[in-house]
Protein backbone atom coordinates (compact mmCIF):
# COMPACT_ATOMS: atom_id res chain seq x y z
CA MET A 1 144.56 92.75 79.58
CA LEU A 2 143.35 95.74 78.83
CA ASP A 3 139.90 95.81 76.40
CA ASN A 4 139.28 98.73 73.60
CA LYS A 5 137.63 100.94 76.47
CA GLY A 6 140.95 101.24 78.57
CA PHE A 7 139.89 98.90 80.75
CA ASP A 8 142.51 96.56 82.81
CA LEU A 9 140.22 93.20 83.58
CA TRP A 10 141.88 90.36 85.04
CA ALA A 11 140.60 87.78 87.75
CA ASP A 12 141.55 86.52 91.03
CA GLY A 13 140.29 83.40 92.04
CA ASP A 14 136.51 83.80 91.97
CA VAL A 15 136.27 87.44 91.80
CA ALA A 16 137.04 89.84 88.71
CA PHE A 17 138.57 93.17 89.31
CA GLU A 18 137.92 96.60 86.84
CA THR A 19 140.35 99.16 86.63
CA ARG A 20 139.96 102.36 84.87
CA ALA A 21 143.48 103.45 82.92
CA GLU A 22 144.28 106.44 81.72
CA PHE A 23 146.99 108.27 80.10
CA TYR A 24 147.62 111.69 80.32
CA PRO A 25 150.90 114.40 79.59
CA LYS A 26 153.68 114.98 81.39
CA SER A 27 152.37 117.77 82.55
CA TYR A 28 148.92 116.34 84.11
CA CYS A 29 151.25 114.89 87.28
CA SER A 30 154.67 115.39 88.52
CA GLY A 31 156.60 112.60 86.15
CA VAL A 32 159.04 112.41 83.57
CA ILE A 33 158.21 110.23 80.31
CA GLU A 34 154.56 108.89 80.49
CA ILE A 35 151.73 109.33 83.60
CA LYS A 36 149.51 106.62 83.33
CA LYS A 37 146.58 107.23 85.71
CA VAL A 38 145.35 104.13 87.43
CA ASN A 39 142.12 104.04 90.14
CA ASP A 40 143.24 107.79 90.73
CA ILE A 41 146.92 107.21 91.59
CA CYS A 42 149.27 109.16 89.01
CA VAL A 43 152.23 106.29 88.04
CA SER A 44 155.19 107.41 86.05
CA LEU A 45 157.95 105.66 84.04
CA TYR A 46 161.44 106.88 85.36
CA ILE A 47 164.07 106.48 83.98
CA PRO A 48 166.66 105.57 86.80
CA LYS A 49 170.51 107.04 86.88
CA LEU A 50 173.30 104.85 87.44
CA GLU A 51 173.52 106.05 90.82
CA ASP A 52 170.04 104.69 91.24
CA LEU A 53 170.76 101.21 90.26
CA TRP A 54 171.10 100.30 94.38
CA PHE A 55 167.34 99.39 93.77
CA ARG A 56 168.18 96.99 91.28
CA GLU A 57 171.12 95.36 93.32
CA GLU A 58 168.41 95.31 96.67
CA PHE A 59 165.57 93.72 94.99
CA MET A 60 167.67 91.07 93.11
CA ALA A 61 169.01 90.08 96.23
CA ASP A 62 165.88 89.60 98.18
CA PRO A 63 164.61 86.37 98.31
CA ALA A 64 161.28 87.30 98.44
CA THR A 65 161.08 89.04 95.53
CA MET A 66 163.14 86.46 93.44
CA GLU A 67 161.52 83.51 94.89
CA TYR A 68 160.04 83.20 91.20
CA ASN A 69 163.72 82.45 90.40
CA HIS A 70 163.97 79.87 93.04
CA ALA A 71 164.11 76.88 90.00
CA TRP A 72 167.45 78.72 88.88
CA GLY A 73 169.39 79.94 91.56
CA GLY A 74 167.23 81.90 93.57
CA THR A 75 168.90 85.65 93.79
CA ILE A 76 170.71 87.06 91.57
CA PRO A 77 173.95 88.95 92.45
CA PHE A 78 174.18 92.52 90.90
CA PRO A 79 177.46 93.77 92.12
CA LYS A 80 178.06 97.52 91.58
CA GLU A 81 181.39 96.66 89.55
CA GLN A 82 178.62 95.52 86.63
CA TRP A 83 176.62 98.56 86.85
CA GLU A 84 177.87 101.14 84.66
CA GLY A 85 177.79 98.03 81.86
CA TRP A 86 174.46 96.78 82.58
CA TYR A 87 173.46 100.51 82.79
CA ASN A 88 175.05 101.51 79.09
CA ASP A 89 173.60 98.36 77.33
CA TRP A 90 169.87 99.10 78.98
CA VAL A 91 169.36 102.44 79.29
CA VAL A 92 172.16 104.51 77.62
CA ASN A 93 172.58 102.59 74.13
CA ASN A 94 169.65 99.97 74.51
CA ASP A 95 169.09 100.47 70.21
CA GLY A 96 165.34 99.82 70.96
CA LYS A 97 166.15 96.55 72.10
CA CYS A 98 165.98 96.96 75.97
CA PHE A 99 163.75 98.99 78.07
CA TYR A 100 164.48 99.41 81.57
CA ARG A 101 162.53 101.77 84.38
CA TYR A 102 161.08 102.52 87.53
CA LEU A 103 157.40 103.15 88.32
CA LYS A 104 156.92 106.24 90.67
CA ASN A 105 154.05 107.68 91.90
CA ALA A 106 153.15 111.17 92.87
CA GLU A 107 155.13 110.45 96.58
CA GLY A 108 158.46 109.71 94.42
C-alpha cells in the first residue's frame, strides 16, 4: 500500500517494513517505459517481444511458481503455437484492457 508520501508500507508477521519508492523519467536509468527506484535499485518496465515469451512459458510450467494455482491444476501449458495470438491480445492490440510487461533491473 502506498501512502501519500510515496512510501510502500507492509508487514510480515510481527515485523513492519518500509520501502521508499520514487518514480523517475526514462533517462534516469536505462529503461524502456518507466523507472521506479526502490531502495536505490532502478527497475524498468520492459515491453516483451514475441520471442521473449519463452520466459512466460518457463514460469507457467514451473510447479514452484504456479503453486498458488494448485487447486485449479497447478502449472499451465503455454506452447509456442499459442504465443502469437496471446501476444497480439495482451501486448500489441490490447485496447487498454490488458497489460503485460516484464520488470528489469539495471543488469537486465
